[in-house]
C-alpha atoms as a PDB file:
ATOM      1  CA  MET A   1     -79.585  67.275  40.310  1.00  0.00           C
ATOM      2  CA  THR A   2     -78.195  63.754  40.820  1.00  0.00           C
ATOM      3  CA  LEU A   3     -75.457  63.243  43.371  1.00  0.00           C
ATOM      4  CA  GLU A   4     -72.006  63.119  41.780  1.00  0.00           C
ATOM      5  CA  LEU A   5     -68.772  61.923  43.336  1.00  0.00           C
ATOM      6  CA  ILE A   6     -65.933  64.449  42.905  1.00  0.00           C
ATOM      7  CA  ASP A   7     -63.040  62.805  44.732  1.00  0.00           C
ATOM      8  CA  ILE A   8     -61.951  60.560  47.592  1.00  0.00           C
ATOM      9  CA  ALA A   9     -58.658  60.918  49.450  1.00  0.00           C
ATOM     10  CA  GLU A  10     -56.078  58.290  48.558  1.00  0.00           C
ATOM     11  CA  ARG A  11     -55.220  57.715  52.218  1.00  0.00           C
ATOM     12  CA  PRO A  12     -57.536  57.361  55.202  1.00  0.00           C
ATOM     13  CA  SER A  13     -57.651  60.317  57.565  1.00  0.00           C
ATOM     14  CA  ASP A  14     -58.469  58.186  60.606  1.00  0.00           C
ATOM     15  CA  ARG A  15     -58.625  54.551  61.705  1.00  0.00           C
ATOM     16  CA  ILE A  16     -60.413  52.504  64.352  1.00  0.00           C
ATOM     17  CA  ASP A  17     -58.722  49.473  65.903  1.00  0.00           C
ATOM     18  CA  TYR A  18     -60.868  46.345  66.176  1.00  0.00           C
ATOM     19  CA  ARG A  19     -60.589  42.601  66.632  1.00  0.00           C
ATOM     20  CA  ILE A  20     -61.442  40.002  63.985  1.00  0.00           C
ATOM     21  CA  PRO A  21     -62.302  36.353  64.702  1.00  0.00           C
ATOM     22  CA  GLY A  22     -59.620  33.682  64.531  1.00  0.00           C
ATOM     23  CA  GLN A  23     -59.598  29.932  65.092  1.00  0.00           C
ATOM     24  CA  ARG A  24     -56.897  30.121  67.758  1.00  0.00           C
ATOM     25  CA  LYS A  25     -57.168  33.712  68.904  1.00  0.00           C
ATOM     26  CA  PRO A  26     -58.622  36.969  67.552  1.00  0.00           C
ATOM     27  CA  GLY A  27     -56.467  39.173  65.364  1.00  0.00           C
ATOM     28  CA  TRP A  28     -56.414  42.944  65.082  1.00  0.00           C
ATOM     29  CA  ARG A  29     -57.260  45.176  62.151  1.00  0.00           C
ATOM     30  CA  GLN A  30     -58.023  48.831  61.542  1.00  0.00           C
ATOM     31  CA  LEU A  31     -61.152  50.277  59.971  1.00  0.00           C
ATOM     32  CA  PRO A  32     -59.987  53.062  57.623  1.00  0.00           C
ATOM     33  CA  ILE A  33     -62.063  56.237  57.370  1.00  0.00           C
ATOM     34  CA  PHE A  34     -61.699  58.076  54.059  1.00  0.00           C
ATOM     35  CA  GLU A  35     -62.944  61.592  53.329  1.00  0.00           C
ATOM     36  CA  GLY A  36     -64.255  62.779  49.978  1.00  0.00           C
ATOM     37  CA  THR A  37     -66.441  65.333  48.260  1.00  0.00           C
ATOM     38  CA  VAL A  38     -69.585  65.226  46.158  1.00  0.00           C
ATOM     39  CA  ARG A  39     -71.622  67.626  44.083  1.00  0.00           C
ATOM     40  CA  GLY A  40     -75.386  67.791  44.509  1.00  0.00           C
ATOM     41  CA  LEU A  41     -75.733  67.011  48.213  1.00  0.00           C
ATOM     42  CA  PRO A  42     -79.020  68.508  49.477  1.00  0.00           C
ATOM     43  CA  ASP A  43     -78.649  71.617  51.638  1.00  0.00           C
ATOM     44  CA  THR A  44     -80.442  69.743  54.426  1.00  0.00           C
ATOM     45  CA  ILE A  45     -77.513  67.305  54.802  1.00  0.00           C
ATOM     46  CA  GLY A  46     -74.064  68.191  56.099  1.00  0.00           C
ATOM     47  CA  SER A  47     -72.342  64.844  55.488  1.00  0.00           C
ATOM     48  CA  LEU A  48     -72.929  61.358  54.166  1.00  0.00           C
ATOM     49  CA  VAL A  49     -71.334  58.477  56.069  1.00  0.00           C
ATOM     50  CA  ILE A  50     -71.151  55.271  54.004  1.00  0.00           C
ATOM     51  CA  THR A  51     -69.891  51.938  55.319  1.00  0.00           C
ATOM     52  CA  SER A  52     -70.396  48.156  55.386  1.00  0.00           C
ATOM     53  CA  ASP A  53     -68.946  44.837  56.510  1.00  0.00           C
ATOM     54  CA  LEU A  54     -68.136  45.956  60.028  1.00  0.00           C
ATOM     55  CA  GLN A  55     -67.380  42.367  60.980  1.00  0.00           C
ATOM     56  CA  GLY A  56     -65.369  42.779  64.120  1.00  0.00           C
ATOM     57  CA  ARG A  57     -65.567  43.727  67.765  1.00  0.00           C
ATOM     58  CA  GLY A  58     -63.848  45.863  70.331  1.00  0.00           C
ATOM     59  CA  THR A  59     -62.519  44.686  73.673  1.00  0.00           C
ATOM     60  CA  ALA A  60     -64.801  43.136  76.268  1.00  0.00           C
ATOM     61  CA  VAL A  61     -65.408  45.214  79.403  1.00  0.00           C
ATOM     62  CA  ARG A  62     -64.393  43.260  82.500  1.00  0.00           C
ATOM     63  CA  GLY A  63     -65.940  44.210  85.820  1.00  0.00           C
ATOM     64  CA  PRO A  64     -65.260  42.770  89.310  1.00  0.00           C
ATOM     65  CA  HIS A  65     -68.037  40.199  89.001  1.00  0.00           C
ATOM     66  CA  GLU A  66     -68.826  39.858  85.297  1.00  0.00           C
ATOM     67  CA  THR A  67     -67.549  40.246  81.762  1.00  0.00           C
ATOM     68  CA  HIS A  68     -69.646  42.179  79.266  1.00  0.00           C
ATOM     69  CA  GLU A  69     -69.735  41.077  75.639  1.00  0.00           C
ATOM     70  CA  ALA A  70     -67.295  42.924  73.407  1.00  0.00           C
ATOM     71  CA  PRO A  71     -69.098  45.635  71.416  1.00  0.00           C
ATOM     72  CA  LEU A  72     -69.599  45.185  67.697  1.00  0.00           C
ATOM     73  CA  LEU A  73     -67.452  47.354  65.434  1.00  0.00           C
ATOM     74  CA  GLY A  74     -70.586  49.256  64.387  1.00  0.00           C
ATOM     75  CA  HIS A  75     -70.955  50.503  67.966  1.00  0.00           C
ATOM     76  CA  LEU A  76     -67.340  51.695  67.941  1.00  0.00           C
ATOM     77  CA  LEU A  77     -67.863  53.534  64.654  1.00  0.00           C
ATOM     78  CA  ALA A  78     -71.092  55.187  65.848  1.00  0.00           C
ATOM     79  CA  ALA A  79     -69.322  56.518  68.950  1.00  0.00           C
ATOM     80  CA  HIS A  80     -66.315  57.605  66.875  1.00  0.00           C
ATOM     81  CA  LEU A  81     -68.548  59.564  64.503  1.00  0.00           C
ATOM     82  CA  GLU A  82     -70.145  61.265  67.487  1.00  0.00           C
ATOM     83  CA  SER A  83     -66.728  62.505  68.588  1.00  0.00           C
ATOM     84  CA  TRP A  84     -66.079  63.741  65.050  1.00  0.00           C
ATOM     85  CA  ALA A  85     -69.382  65.646  65.120  1.00  0.00           C
ATOM     86  CA  GLU A  86     -68.661  67.179  68.522  1.00  0.00           C
ATOM     87  CA  SER A  87     -65.288  68.427  67.311  1.00  0.00           C
ATOM     88  CA  GLY A  88     -66.773  69.857  64.101  1.00  0.00           C
ATOM     89  CA  ARG A  89     -64.865  67.414  61.936  1.00  0.00           C
ATOM     90  CA  LEU A  90     -68.129  65.844  60.763  1.00  0.00           C
ATOM     91  CA  ARG A  91     -70.665  68.274  59.346  1.00  0.00           C
ATOM     92  CA  GLU A  92     -74.121  67.921  60.825  1.00  0.00           C
ATOM     93  CA  PRO A  93     -76.771  66.840  60.243  1.00  0.00           C
ATOM     94  CA  TYR A  94     -75.335  63.664  58.812  1.00  0.00           C
ATOM     95  CA  VAL A  95     -76.901  60.630  57.155  1.00  0.00           C
ATOM     96  CA  VAL A  96     -75.545  57.093  57.593  1.00  0.00           C
ATOM     97  CA  ILE A  97     -75.838  54.688  54.648  1.00  0.00           C
ATOM     98  CA  HIS A  98     -74.644  51.141  55.148  1.00  0.00           C
ATOM     99  CA  ALA A  99     -74.479  48.161  52.835  1.00  0.00           C
ATOM    100  CA  GLY A 100     -74.857  45.369  55.372  1.00  0.00           C
ATOM    101  CA  ASP A 101     -72.909  42.748  57.332  1.00  0.00           C
ATOM    102  CA  LEU A 102     -72.664  44.351  60.759  1.00  0.00           C
ATOM    103  CA  TRP A 103     -72.466  41.030  62.635  1.00  0.00           C
ATOM    104  CA  SER A 104     -69.445  39.308  64.174  1.00  0.00           C
ATOM    105  CA  ASP A 105     -69.233  36.188  66.332  1.00  0.00           C
ATOM    106  CA  PRO A 106     -69.195  37.230  70.032  1.00  0.00           C
ATOM    107  CA  GLU A 107     -66.784  34.394  70.843  1.00  0.00           C
ATOM    108  CA  GLN A 108     -64.445  35.699  68.130  1.00  0.00           C
ATOM    109  CA  ARG A 109     -63.684  32.154  66.999  1.00  0.00           C
ATOM    110  CA  ARG A 110     -64.744  32.282  63.353  1.00  0.00           C
ATOM    111  CA  MET A 111     -65.757  34.613  60.570  1.00  0.00           C
ATOM    112  CA  GLY A 112     -69.296  34.501  59.278  1.00  0.00           C
ATOM    113  CA  GLY A 113     -72.310  33.248  61.160  1.00  0.00           C
ATOM    114  CA  ILE A 114     -75.496  35.253  61.462  1.00  0.00           C
ATOM    115  CA  GLY A 115     -76.821  37.420  64.263  1.00  0.00           C
ATOM    116  CA  ASP A 116     -79.044  40.295  65.335  1.00  0.00           C
ATOM    117  CA  VAL A 117     -77.583  43.716  64.508  1.00  0.00           C
ATOM    118  CA  THR A 118     -80.599  45.806  65.510  1.00  0.00           C
ATOM    119  CA  GLU A 119     -78.644  47.538  68.275  1.00  0.00           C
ATOM    120  CA  VAL A 120     -75.993  48.697  65.806  1.00  0.00           C
ATOM    121  CA  TRP A 121     -78.675  50.289  63.611  1.00  0.00           C
ATOM    122  CA  LEU A 122     -80.120  51.960  66.710  1.00  0.00           C
ATOM    123  CA  ALA A 123     -76.692  53.210  67.827  1.00  0.00           C
ATOM    124  CA  PHE A 124     -76.348  55.022  64.493  1.00  0.00           C
ATOM    125  CA  ALA A 125     -79.972  56.217  64.615  1.00  0.00           C
ATOM    126  CA  ARG A 126     -79.475  57.858  68.028  1.00  0.00           C
ATOM    127  CA  ARG A 127     -76.741  60.047  66.589  1.00  0.00           C
ATOM    128  CA  ALA A 128     -77.493  60.566  62.886  1.00  0.00           C
ATOM    129  CA  ALA A 129     -80.334  62.493  61.289  1.00  0.00           C
ATOM    130  CA  TRP A 130     -81.215  59.410  59.234  1.00  0.00           C
ATOM    131  CA  VAL A 131     -79.940  55.848  58.923  1.00  0.00           C
ATOM    132  CA  VAL A 132     -80.726  53.902  55.766  1.00  0.00           C
ATOM    133  CA  GLY A 133     -79.299  50.692  54.392  1.00  0.00           C
ATOM    134  CA  VAL A 134     -79.605  47.034  53.492  1.00  0.00           C
ATOM    135  CA  LEU A 135     -78.946  43.707  55.170  1.00  0.00           C
ATOM    136  CA  GLY A 136     -75.923  41.612  54.352  1.00  0.00           C
ATOM    137  CA  ASN A 137     -75.883  37.832  54.353  1.00  0.00           C
ATOM    138  CA  HIS A 138     -74.871  37.722  58.039  1.00  0.00           C
ATOM    139  CA  ASP A 139     -77.492  40.117  59.449  1.00  0.00           C
ATOM    140  CA  LEU A 140     -80.786  39.764  61.276  1.00  0.00           C
ATOM    141  CA  VAL A 141     -82.820  42.759  62.522  1.00  0.00           C
ATOM    142  CA  ASP A 142     -86.020  43.687  64.307  1.00  0.00           C
ATOM    143  CA  ALA A 143     -87.650  45.661  61.481  1.00  0.00           C
ATOM    144  CA  HIS A 144     -90.291  47.120  63.800  1.00  0.00           C
ATOM    145  CA  ALA A 145     -87.630  48.526  66.144  1.00  0.00           C
ATOM    146  CA  LEU A 146     -85.843  50.135  63.208  1.00  0.00           C
ATOM    147  CA  HIS A 147     -89.086  51.718  62.016  1.00  0.00           C
ATOM    148  CA  LEU A 148     -89.802  53.157  65.471  1.00  0.00           C
ATOM    149  CA  ALA A 149     -86.296  54.656  65.534  1.00  0.00           C
ATOM    150  CA  GLY A 150     -86.795  56.328  62.157  1.00  0.00           C
ATOM    151  CA  ALA A 151     -84.265  54.100  60.377  1.00  0.00           C
ATOM    152  CA  THR A 152     -85.041  52.788  56.891  1.00  0.00           C
ATOM    153  CA  LEU A 153     -84.366  49.201  55.866  1.00  0.00           C
ATOM    154  CA  LEU A 154     -84.278  48.808  52.092  1.00  0.00           C
ATOM    155  CA  ASP A 155     -85.093  45.657  50.201  1.00  0.00           C
ATOM    156  CA  GLY A 156     -86.543  46.296  46.783  1.00  0.00           C
ATOM    157  CA  ARG A 157     -87.789  49.825  47.416  1.00  0.00           C
ATOM    158  CA  THR A 158     -86.746  53.454  47.209  1.00  0.00           C
ATOM    159  CA  VAL A 159     -87.169  56.262  49.737  1.00  0.00           C
ATOM    160  CA  GLU A 160     -86.662  60.016  49.593  1.00  0.00           C
ATOM    161  CA  ARG A 161     -85.899  61.863  52.813  1.00  0.00           C
ATOM    162  CA  MET A 162     -84.068  65.115  53.522  1.00  0.00           C
ATOM    163  CA  GLY A 163     -83.940  65.620  49.743  1.00  0.00           C
ATOM    164  CA  LEU A 164     -81.881  62.457  49.234  1.00  0.00           C
ATOM    165  CA  ARG A 165     -83.233  59.636  47.039  1.00  0.00           C
ATOM    166  CA  VAL A 166     -81.969  56.196  48.100  1.00  0.00           C
ATOM    167  CA  GLY A 167     -82.937  52.716  46.910  1.00  0.00           C
ATOM    168  CA  GLY A 168     -81.564  49.313  47.718  1.00  0.00           C
ATOM    169  CA  VAL A 169     -81.676  45.525  47.753  1.00  0.00           C
ATOM    170  CA  SER A 170     -80.680  43.426  50.762  1.00  0.00           C
ATOM    171  CA  GLY A 171     -78.780  40.154  50.736  1.00  0.00           C
ATOM    172  CA  ILE A 172     -76.758  38.406  48.049  1.00  0.00           C
ATOM    173  CA  ILE A 173     -77.161  36.010  45.160  1.00  0.00           C
ATOM    174  CA  GLY A 174     -77.058  32.452  46.444  1.00  0.00           C
ATOM    175  CA  PRO A 175     -78.980  29.357  47.599  1.00  0.00           C
ATOM    176  CA  VAL A 176     -82.457  30.523  48.566  1.00  0.00           C
ATOM    177  CA  HIS A 177     -82.700  28.103  51.519  1.00  0.00           C
ATOM    178  CA  LYS A 178     -80.127  30.254  53.319  1.00  0.00           C
ATOM    179  CA  PRO A 179     -81.022  33.593  54.963  1.00  0.00           C
ATOM    180  CA  ASN A 180     -80.827  36.773  52.888  1.00  0.00           C
ATOM    181  CA  ARG A 181     -80.243  35.029  49.556  1.00  0.00           C
ATOM    182  CA  ARG A 182     -81.977  35.316  46.174  1.00  0.00           C
ATOM    183  CA  ASP A 183     -81.534  33.350  42.993  1.00  0.00           C
ATOM    184  CA  PRO A 184     -79.922  35.321  40.143  1.00  0.00           C
ATOM    185  CA  ALA A 185     -83.149  36.021  38.252  1.00  0.00           C
ATOM    186  CA  GLN A 186     -84.982  37.216  41.349  1.00  0.00           C
ATOM    187  CA  PHE A 187     -82.095  39.447  42.417  1.00  0.00           C
ATOM    188  CA  ALA A 188     -81.953  40.952  38.914  1.00  0.00           C
ATOM    189  CA  ARG A 189     -85.696  41.647  38.880  1.00  0.00           C
ATOM    190  CA  THR A 190     -85.617  43.269  42.306  1.00  0.00           C
ATOM    191  CA  LEU A 191     -82.625  45.473  41.554  1.00  0.00           C
ATOM    192  CA  THR A 192     -84.069  46.437  38.157  1.00  0.00           C
ATOM    193  CA  SER A 193     -87.279  47.620  39.839  1.00  0.00           C
ATOM    194  CA  VAL A 194     -85.243  49.780  42.233  1.00  0.00           C
ATOM    195  CA  LEU A 195     -83.232  51.378  39.433  1.00  0.00           C
ATOM    196  CA  ARG A 196     -86.247  52.312  37.313  1.00  0.00           C
ATOM    197  CA  GLN A 197     -86.314  55.787  38.808  1.00  0.00           C
ATOM    198  CA  PRO A 198     -83.435  58.262  39.213  1.00  0.00           C
ATOM    199  CA  LEU A 199     -81.548  57.796  42.481  1.00  0.00           C
ATOM    200  CA  ASP A 200     -78.860  59.709  44.300  1.00  0.00           C
ATOM    201  CA  VAL A 201     -77.607  56.526  45.952  1.00  0.00           C
ATOM    202  CA  ALA A 202     -78.301  52.873  45.140  1.00  0.00           C
ATOM    203  CA  VAL A 203     -77.271  50.400  47.856  1.00  0.00           C
ATOM    204  CA  THR A 204     -76.648  46.665  47.564  1.00  0.00           C
ATOM    205  CA  HIS A 205     -74.604  44.291  49.664  1.00  0.00           C
ATOM    206  CA  GLN A 206     -73.842  42.231  46.570  1.00  0.00           C
ATOM    207  CA  GLY A 207     -71.632  44.154  44.162  1.00  0.00           C
ATOM    208  CA  PRO A 208     -70.787  43.795  40.475  1.00  0.00           C
ATOM    209  CA  ARG A 209     -67.801  41.836  39.194  1.00  0.00           C
ATOM    210  CA  LEU A 210     -65.222  44.460  38.311  1.00  0.00           C
ATOM    211  CA  PHE A 211     -62.078  42.645  39.450  1.00  0.00           C
ATOM    212  CA  GLU A 212     -60.830  39.111  38.972  1.00  0.00           C
ATOM    213  CA  GLY A 213     -60.393  36.822  41.930  1.00  0.00           C
ATOM    214  CA  HIS A 214     -62.421  34.915  44.492  1.00  0.00           C
ATOM    215  CA  ASP A 215     -65.867  36.298  45.206  1.00  0.00           C
ATOM    216  CA  LYS A 216     -65.205  39.752  43.737  1.00  0.00           C
ATOM    217  CA  GLY A 217     -68.799  40.282  42.666  1.00  0.00           C
ATOM    218  CA  ASP A 218     -71.499  38.939  40.384  1.00  0.00           C
ATOM    219  CA  ASP A 219     -72.039  39.467  36.672  1.00  0.00           C
ATOM    220  CA  VAL A 220     -75.807  39.698  37.243  1.00  0.00           C
ATOM    221  CA  VAL A 221     -75.269  43.007  39.022  1.00  0.00           C
ATOM    222  CA  ASN A 222     -73.112  44.255  36.142  1.00  0.00           C
ATOM    223  CA  ASP A 223     -75.874  43.484  33.662  1.00  0.00           C
ATOM    224  CA  VAL A 224     -78.573  45.283  35.650  1.00  0.00           C
ATOM    225  CA  TYR A 225     -76.501  48.431  36.117  1.00  0.00           C
ATOM    226  CA  ALA A 226     -75.515  48.420  32.446  1.00  0.00           C
ATOM    227  CA  ASP A 227     -79.178  49.043  31.609  1.00  0.00           C
ATOM    228  CA  ALA A 228     -79.832  51.499  34.457  1.00  0.00           C
ATOM    229  CA  MET A 229     -80.222  55.236  34.034  1.00  0.00           C
ATOM    230  CA  GLY A 230     -79.913  58.034  36.525  1.00  0.00           C
ATOM    231  CA  VAL A 231     -77.888  56.429  39.338  1.00  0.00           C
ATOM    232  CA  GLY A 232     -75.683  58.955  41.102  1.00  0.00           C
ATOM    233  CA  ILE A 233     -73.546  56.654  43.271  1.00  0.00           C
ATOM    234  CA  ALA A 234     -73.850  52.875  43.647  1.00  0.00           C
ATOM    235  CA  VAL A 235     -72.694  51.521  47.009  1.00  0.00           C
ATOM    236  CA  CYS A 236     -71.749  47.880  47.630  1.00  0.00           C
ATOM    237  CA  GLY A 237     -69.864  45.703  50.090  1.00  0.00           C
ATOM    238  CA  HIS A 238     -69.506  41.930  50.644  1.00  0.00           C
ATOM    239  CA  CYS A 239     -66.005  41.671  49.180  1.00  0.00           C
ATOM    240  CA  GLN A 240     -63.248  44.251  49.166  1.00  0.00           C
ATOM    241  CA  TRP A 241     -61.926  45.678  45.939  1.00  0.00           C
ATOM    242  CA  PRO A 242     -58.411  47.085  45.562  1.00  0.00           C
ATOM    243  CA  GLU A 243     -59.976  50.448  44.693  1.00  0.00           C
ATOM    244  CA  VAL A 244     -62.558  52.368  46.755  1.00  0.00           C
ATOM    245  CA  ALA A 245     -64.210  54.119  43.797  1.00  0.00           C
ATOM    246  CA  VAL A 246     -64.561  52.605  40.320  1.00  0.00           C
ATOM    247  CA  ARG A 247     -66.483  53.944  37.333  1.00  0.00           C
ATOM    248  CA  GLU A 248     -68.087  51.302  35.142  1.00  0.00           C
ATOM    249  CA  GLY A 249     -70.074  52.636  32.201  1.00  0.00           C
ATOM    250  CA  ARG A 250     -72.500  55.279  33.461  1.00  0.00           C
ATOM    251  CA  THR A 251     -72.197  54.251  37.109  1.00  0.00           C
ATOM    252  CA  MET A 252     -69.769  55.263  39.837  1.00  0.00           C
ATOM    253  CA  PHE A 253     -69.371  52.431  42.347  1.00  0.00           C
ATOM    254  CA  LEU A 254     -68.168  52.854  45.916  1.00  0.00           C
ATOM    255  CA  ASN A 255     -66.902  49.693  47.565  1.00  0.00           C
ATOM    256  CA  VAL A 256     -67.148  50.111  51.334  1.00  0.00           C
ATOM    257  CA  ASP A 257     -66.331  46.584  52.486  1.00  0.00           C
ATOM    258  CA  ALA A 258     -64.580  47.095  55.865  1.00  0.00           C
ATOM    259  CA  ARG A 259     -64.284  50.789  55.068  1.00  0.00           C
ATOM    260  CA  CYS A 260     -65.999  54.009  56.063  1.00  0.00           C
ATOM    261  CA  ILE A 261     -66.310  56.967  53.713  1.00  0.00           C
ATOM    262  CA  VAL A 262     -67.374  60.455  54.814  1.00  0.00           C
ATOM    263  CA  LEU A 263     -68.609  62.651  51.964  1.00  0.00           C
ATOM    264  CA  THR A 264     -69.302  66.376  52.076  1.00  0.00           C
ATOM    265  CA  GLU A 265     -70.341  68.941  49.490  1.00  0.00           C
ATOM    266  CA  SER A 266     -67.599  70.221  47.217  1.00  0.00           C
ATOM    267  CA  ARG A 267     -66.165  73.512  48.496  1.00  0.00           C
ATOM    268  CA  GLU A 268     -66.128  74.793  44.916  1.00  0.00           C
ATOM    269  CA  ARG A 269     -69.920  74.554  44.699  1.00  0.00           C
ATOM    270  CA  GLU A 270     -70.330  76.018  48.186  1.00  0.00           C
ATOM    271  CA  SER A 271     -68.259  79.083  47.273  1.00  0.00           C
ATOM    272  CA  MET A 272     -70.282  79.557  44.089  1.00  0.00           C
ATOM    273  CA  CYS A 273     -73.547  79.366  46.023  1.00  0.00           C
ATOM    274  CA  THR A 274     -72.449  81.824  48.691  1.00  0.00           C
ATOM    275  CA  SER A 275     -70.587  84.350  46.547  1.00  0.00           C
ATOM    276  CA  PRO A 276     -72.186  87.823  46.281  1.00  0.00           C
ATOM    277  CA  GLY A 277     -74.075  88.740  43.132  1.00  0.00           C
END
């Protein structure tokens, strides 16, 4: 049974304060956490946590003799999810799926740049049953360290674990001389190969163009998904849409740019499975 999105709350149930870079001084934003339900989540998984574009930092820790670098927003989210799990608000075991861009300038002077986000992956991996995802155009990682931690980096492949089938493509469409970029034809071929088999979740940093405006997606992604069969939920980031969930043709897209979504099994299905007789 392919994973199917049932609903997502219109309003976030929680938020995390974080700083974003600015030319003169950092600004403040809030990462919204939305809750929703799905049908078809394997019994081995309590919750799915889906997020991307955590491009911010917390507050630096100042000691008597030194100042420690402000933690990346991904570290704040990993710790926040741990508190949710301890309180029973997050059903365990949980799986973290992210669609890239976990880096933010430590000096908080400008957006963008590129940096090592291995420690953010590992922070999630220490708490979650499984961490799987793709790189954005601002991310670098130590792939060997991720492998040792049991995390799964996707780039043109699919993996099944805990009964969940996930496939993905890292990076975006763009000039190939820059990190984590592919030309349109190469991106299309790679994503097509991933979508040849049924998936519960397909993950890309680059999303389709479903809204007008600057950098709202790429038509190449639209074309590939139009020919795809058997995708439960397609996750993307890179640019934020006005809507969290959008159905286009046969595919339900979740846009998690600077958002976190926590999905659990529909109570309706749970009651049917546990009812006597």
